[in-house]
Amino acid sequence: MCRWLAYSGEPLKPSVLILDAQHSLVAQSLNSPLGAETVNGDGFGFGWYPEGSVAGSVPALFHSIEPAWHDENLRELTDSIASPIFFGHVRAAAGPPIQRTNCHPFRHGNWMFMHNGFLGGFEAMKRDLTFAVDPSLYLDIRGTTDSEVLFYLALTLGLEEDPIGAMGRAVRQIEKVGEAKGVAFPMQGTIALSDGATLWAFRYSTAHRTRTLFHSAAIPELRQMYPDADRLHLFGDHAKVIVSEPLNDLPGAFVEVPESTVAILDDSGYRHEHFLDDGE
């Protein structure tokens, strides 16, 4: 469907990953070997927390309906700033129109969200799910994607206080509505979420055959494995990236996130937690 990456760590020029990596996000927009669609040219988005941000800072967004490989402003922007947490997303539209309000990432307050995947049977579920969004949040939905509805449903269900629990409740509600509408597999996707301090990345689908998701190995370990890889010195010791597919071909550089898992990346490193046991 789409390709995305999310970075957390010491402030970094986003162009290092979005444009300059061996298999950068822009390169994946033209050719993504692990994607459902090889080309992701239906617009893109970039979101970042400015360097020096304090807790509660609102992230900045840049969206375009241009293909990522065709937009000169993306190079200018990502080469001119540094950020401790940033998101990049290239879109392959699967129904909702190509317009800026449908480009990821989405933002609410200090929260940022993006999604690769779809809600199966969304046309049948759309009214029930949209009307389940709290009225105080409903008017903030600006686009027409299932992804944005998922974000605002999770916000309704307590995302700002309990990100993992709220995302689980949102997914279960989608599955419940889908079951009532005769949709076999309502939820598919990988999700990135941040409050500006912590990065959560979810991999889950009702069918348990979710889109690919990987995170980088620890930078100190990679420097030991590849002492001649000068590029690794661009990154601080706490740098971490989570991606739809690996950004390079170095064996061991990227670790696959297991099915039905949330990866949590913060100043302490990264850890995995199971997400939505079958009995939940």
Protein backbone atom coordinates (compact mmCIF):
# COMPACT_ATOMS: atom_id res chain seq x y z
CA MET A 1 0.00 0.00 0.00
CA CYS A 2 2.54 2.60 1.15
CA ARG A 3 6.07 2.83 2.57
CA TRP A 4 7.14 4.72 5.68
CA LEU A 5 9.98 5.30 8.09
CA ALA A 6 10.25 6.82 11.55
CA TYR A 7 13.43 7.99 13.24
CA SER A 8 14.22 8.55 16.93
CA GLY A 9 17.55 9.56 18.49
CA GLU A 10 20.07 12.34 18.40
CA PRO A 11 19.01 15.20 16.06
CA LEU A 12 19.65 14.11 12.47
CA LYS A 13 19.17 15.65 9.04
CA PRO A 14 16.18 13.70 7.69
CA SER A 15 17.71 13.63 4.19
CA VAL A 16 20.22 11.06 5.49
CA LEU A 17 17.41 8.47 5.58
CA ILE A 18 14.69 9.86 3.36
CA LEU A 19 16.92 10.64 0.36
CA ASP A 20 20.49 9.43 0.78
CA ALA A 21 20.29 5.87 2.16
CA GLN A 22 20.99 2.98 -0.18
CA HIS A 23 17.29 2.06 -0.22
CA SER A 24 15.98 5.43 0.93
CA LEU A 25 12.30 6.19 1.34
CA VAL A 26 12.36 8.09 -1.96
CA ALA A 27 14.05 5.13 -3.65
CA GLN A 28 11.30 2.91 -2.25
CA SER A 29 8.68 5.25 -3.68
CA LEU A 30 9.98 4.20 -7.12
CA ASN A 31 10.74 0.57 -6.30
CA SER A 32 9.70 -1.17 -3.08
CA PRO A 33 10.50 -4.89 -3.40
CA LEU A 34 8.63 -5.83 -0.21
CA GLY A 35 5.59 -3.62 -0.83
CA ALA A 36 2.16 -4.60 -2.07
CA GLU A 37 2.69 -2.00 -4.80
CA THR A 38 6.11 -1.48 -6.36
CA VAL A 39 5.56 2.25 -6.99
CA ASN A 40 4.28 4.66 -4.32
CA GLY A 41 3.80 7.89 -6.22
CA ASP A 42 0.46 9.25 -4.97
CA GLY A 43 1.89 11.96 -2.76
CA PHE A 44 4.01 11.95 0.37
CA GLY A 45 4.32 13.48 3.78
CA PHE A 46 7.05 14.46 6.19
CA GLY A 47 6.55 15.32 9.85
CA TRP A 48 9.10 16.33 12.46
CA TYR A 49 9.61 17.61 15.98
CA PRO A 50 12.04 20.55 15.78
CA GLU A 51 15.45 20.24 17.37
CA GLY A 52 15.29 21.48 20.97
CA SER A 53 11.58 20.66 21.32
CA VAL A 54 10.25 20.31 24.85
CA ALA A 55 7.59 17.90 26.06
CA GLY A 56 4.26 18.68 24.44
CA SER A 57 5.71 20.42 21.39
CA VAL A 58 3.58 20.33 18.26
CA PRO A 59 5.25 18.61 15.28
CA ALA A 60 5.56 20.36 11.92
CA LEU A 61 4.13 18.81 8.74
CA PHE A 62 4.86 19.01 5.03
CA HIS A 63 2.49 17.28 2.59
CA SER A 64 2.50 17.16 -1.19
CA ILE A 65 0.52 15.34 -3.89
CA GLU A 66 3.67 15.26 -6.03
CA PRO A 67 5.56 11.97 -6.24
CA ALA A 68 8.33 12.09 -3.64
CA TRP A 69 11.04 11.63 -6.28
CA HIS A 70 9.78 14.68 -8.16
CA ASP A 71 9.60 17.25 -5.35
CA GLU A 72 12.62 19.56 -5.06
CA ASN A 73 11.25 21.08 -1.84
CA LEU A 74 11.69 17.76 -0.06
CA ARG A 75 15.45 17.91 -0.59
CA GLU A 76 15.61 21.56 0.47
CA LEU A 77 13.64 20.93 3.64
CA THR A 78 15.18 17.66 4.81
CA ASP A 79 18.70 18.97 4.15
CA SER A 80 18.11 22.17 6.13
CA ILE A 81 16.78 20.95 9.45
CA ALA A 82 17.72 18.43 12.13
CA SER A 83 15.19 16.56 14.22
CA PRO A 84 15.25 14.05 17.09
CA ILE A 85 12.03 12.38 15.88
CA PHE A 86 10.68 12.48 12.34
CA PHE A 87 8.26 10.54 10.12
CA GLY A 88 8.32 10.06 6.35
CA HIS A 89 5.56 8.42 4.29
CA VAL A 90 5.09 7.75 0.56
CA ARG A 91 1.58 6.89 -0.55
CA ALA A 92 0.02 4.42 -2.94
CA ALA A 93 -3.65 5.43 -2.92
CA ALA A 94 -6.06 2.51 -2.62
CA GLY A 95 -9.33 4.36 -3.12
CA PRO A 96 -9.41 7.72 -1.27
CA PRO A 97 -8.48 10.54 -3.66
CA ILE A 98 -5.02 12.01 -4.11
CA GLN A 99 -5.16 15.20 -2.07
CA ARG A 100 -2.99 16.79 0.60
CA THR A 101 -5.43 16.11 3.41
CA ASN A 102 -5.10 12.39 2.67
CA CYS A 103 -1.29 12.40 2.95
CA HIS A 104 0.30 10.99 6.09
CA PRO A 105 1.45 11.68 8.75
CA PHE A 106 -1.58 13.03 10.59
CA ARG A 107 -1.30 15.28 13.63
CA HIS A 108 -3.34 16.07 16.71
CA GLY A 109 -1.75 18.32 19.30
CA ASN A 110 1.68 16.92 20.02
CA TRP A 111 0.79 13.51 18.53
CA MET A 112 1.80 12.25 15.11
CA PHE A 113 0.45 9.14 13.35
CA MET A 114 0.92 7.27 10.07
CA HIS A 115 -0.27 3.93 8.68
CA ASN A 116 0.57 1.48 5.92
CA GLY A 117 -2.35 -0.79 5.15
CA PHE A 118 -6.13 -0.49 5.03
CA LEU A 119 -9.38 -1.17 6.83
CA GLY A 120 -11.03 -3.92 4.83
CA GLY A 121 -14.59 -3.10 3.85
CA PHE A 122 -14.17 0.50 4.98
CA GLU A 123 -17.06 1.68 2.81
CA ALA A 124 -19.41 -0.56 4.80
CA MET A 125 -17.87 0.40 8.16
CA LYS A 126 -17.19 4.10 7.56
CA ARG A 127 -20.39 5.53 9.03
CA ASP A 128 -20.24 3.47 12.23
CA LEU A 129 -16.54 4.14 12.80
CA THR A 130 -16.67 7.84 11.99
CA PHE A 131 -19.67 8.41 14.23
CA ALA A 132 -17.82 6.60 17.04
CA VAL A 133 -15.27 9.45 17.08
CA ASP A 134 -15.85 11.85 19.96
CA PRO A 135 -17.78 14.95 18.79
CA SER A 136 -15.00 17.19 20.13
CA LEU A 137 -12.57 15.49 17.71
CA TYR A 138 -14.87 14.86 14.75
CA LEU A 139 -14.37 18.25 13.12
CA ASP A 140 -10.59 17.76 13.14
CA ILE A 141 -10.87 14.96 10.56
CA ARG A 142 -9.85 16.76 7.38
CA GLY A 143 -9.37 13.98 4.83
CA THR A 144 -11.23 10.90 3.61
CA THR A 145 -8.88 8.03 4.49
CA ASP A 146 -9.56 5.06 6.71
CA SER A 147 -6.18 5.75 8.36
CA GLU A 148 -7.25 9.14 9.70
CA VAL A 149 -10.47 7.66 11.08
CA LEU A 150 -8.39 4.99 12.85
CA PHE A 151 -6.22 7.71 14.42
CA TYR A 152 -9.18 9.71 15.69
CA LEU A 153 -10.96 6.61 16.93
CA ALA A 154 -7.85 5.76 18.98
CA LEU A 155 -7.75 9.34 20.29
CA THR A 156 -11.39 8.95 21.32
CA LEU A 157 -10.53 5.75 23.18
CA GLY A 158 -7.75 7.27 25.27
CA LEU A 159 -4.63 7.32 23.10
CA GLU A 160 -3.12 10.33 24.86
CA GLU A 161 -3.16 8.55 28.24
CA ASP A 162 -2.64 4.93 27.11
CA PRO A 163 -1.28 4.69 23.55
CA ILE A 164 -0.97 0.90 23.35
CA GLY A 165 -4.25 0.19 25.12
CA ALA A 166 -6.16 2.77 23.05
CA MET A 167 -4.78 1.45 19.78
CA GLY A 168 -5.82 -2.04 20.83
CA ARG A 169 -9.32 -0.86 21.71
CA ALA A 170 -9.62 0.95 18.37
CA VAL A 171 -8.56 -2.14 16.43
CA ARG A 172 -10.97 -4.35 18.37
CA GLN A 173 -13.82 -1.93 17.67
CA ILE A 174 -12.96 -1.99 13.97
CA GLU A 175 -12.97 -5.78 14.03
CA LYS A 176 -16.31 -5.83 15.87
CA VAL A 177 -17.92 -3.48 13.36
CA GLY A 178 -16.37 -5.43 10.50
CA GLU A 179 -17.76 -8.71 11.84
CA ALA A 180 -21.24 -7.17 12.03
CA LYS A 181 -20.90 -6.01 8.42
CA GLY A 182 -19.67 -9.37 7.17
CA VAL A 183 -16.06 -8.21 6.62
CA ALA A 184 -13.69 -11.15 7.07
CA PHE A 185 -10.46 -9.26 7.76
CA PRO A 186 -11.14 -5.64 8.77
CA MET A 187 -7.69 -4.59 10.00
CA GLN A 188 -4.41 -4.60 8.08
CA GLY A 189 -1.36 -2.55 8.68
CA THR A 190 1.68 -1.16 10.36
CA ILE A 191 1.34 2.02 12.39
CA ALA A 192 3.79 4.62 13.70
CA LEU A 193 2.82 6.86 16.59
CA SER A 194 4.75 9.45 18.62
CA ASP A 195 4.15 12.08 21.28
CA GLY A 196 7.54 13.73 20.64
CA ALA A 197 9.36 11.66 23.28
CA THR A 198 8.52 8.02 22.56
CA LEU A 199 7.95 6.20 19.29
CA TRP A 200 5.52 3.28 19.09
CA ALA A 201 5.35 1.06 16.01
CA PHE A 202 2.58 -1.53 15.64
CA ARG A 203 2.40 -4.53 13.34
CA TYR A 204 -1.00 -6.23 13.31
CA SER A 205 -3.72 -7.56 11.01
CA THR A 206 -6.88 -9.55 11.62
CA ALA A 207 -5.60 -12.22 9.24
CA HIS A 208 -2.17 -12.27 10.98
CA ARG A 209 -0.47 -11.65 7.64
CA THR A 210 0.63 -8.08 8.17
CA ARG A 211 2.70 -5.78 5.95
CA THR A 212 6.44 -5.92 6.67
CA LEU A 213 8.07 -3.89 9.43
CA PHE A 214 11.70 -3.67 10.59
CA HIS A 215 13.81 -1.65 13.01
CA SER A 216 17.52 -0.95 12.97
CA ALA A 217 19.96 -2.73 15.23
CA ALA A 218 21.76 -0.66 17.88
CA ILE A 219 24.31 1.70 16.34
CA PRO A 220 27.20 0.71 18.68
CA GLU A 221 26.67 -2.93 17.68
CA LEU A 222 26.58 -2.04 14.00
CA ARG A 223 29.83 -0.07 14.27
CA GLN A 224 31.49 -3.16 15.76
CA MET A 225 30.07 -5.35 13.00
CA TYR A 226 31.06 -2.92 10.22
CA PRO A 227 34.08 -0.86 11.37
CA ASP A 228 34.75 0.36 7.82
CA ALA A 229 31.21 1.64 7.22
CA ASP A 230 31.86 5.38 7.50
CA ARG A 231 28.16 6.17 7.07
CA LEU A 232 27.39 4.73 10.50
CA HIS A 233 29.28 7.64 12.07
CA LEU A 234 26.53 9.98 10.87
CA PHE A 235 24.37 8.57 13.63
CA GLY A 236 24.51 9.02 17.40
CA ASP A 237 24.64 6.07 19.75
CA HIS A 238 20.90 6.29 20.45
CA ALA A 239 19.76 6.54 16.84
CA LYS A 240 16.98 4.14 15.87
CA VAL A 241 14.87 3.86 12.75
CA ILE A 242 11.80 1.78 12.07
CA VAL A 243 10.87 1.11 8.46
CA SER A 244 8.52 -0.71 6.14
CA GLU A 245 11.56 -2.32 4.57
CA PRO A 246 15.32 -2.13 5.22
CA LEU A 247 17.26 0.93 4.07
CA ASN A 248 20.42 -1.02 3.19
CA ASP A 249 21.68 -4.53 2.43
CA LEU A 250 24.00 -4.92 5.43
CA PRO A 251 23.28 -8.30 7.05
CA GLY A 252 22.05 -7.83 10.61
CA ALA A 253 21.43 -4.10 10.24
CA PHE A 254 17.65 -4.48 10.43
CA VAL A 255 15.53 -6.74 12.61
CA GLU A 256 12.02 -7.77 11.60
CA VAL A 257 9.26 -6.79 14.03
CA PRO A 258 7.20 -9.93 14.73
CA GLU A 259 3.53 -10.27 13.88
CA SER A 260 1.09 -8.85 16.47
CA THR A 261 3.81 -6.78 18.15
CA VAL A 262 4.39 -3.19 19.20
CA ALA A 263 7.98 -1.94 19.16
CA ILE A 264 8.65 0.84 21.67
CA LEU A 265 11.60 3.15 21.01
CA ASP A 266 12.74 5.75 23.54
CA ASP A 267 15.88 7.02 25.28
CA SER A 268 16.42 3.64 26.92
CA GLY A 269 16.61 1.82 23.58
CA TYR A 270 13.91 -0.39 22.13
CA ARG A 271 11.76 -3.26 23.30
CA HIS A 272 8.94 -5.40 21.95
CA GLU A 273 5.58 -6.13 23.54
CA HIS A 274 2.90 -8.47 22.25
CA PHE A 275 -0.04 -6.57 20.80
CA LEU A 276 -3.56 -7.99 20.96
CA ASP A 277 -3.46 -11.61 22.06
CA ASP A 278 -6.05 -13.72 20.29
CA GLY A 279 -8.01 -13.92 23.54
CA GLU A 280 -8.16 -10.17 24.12
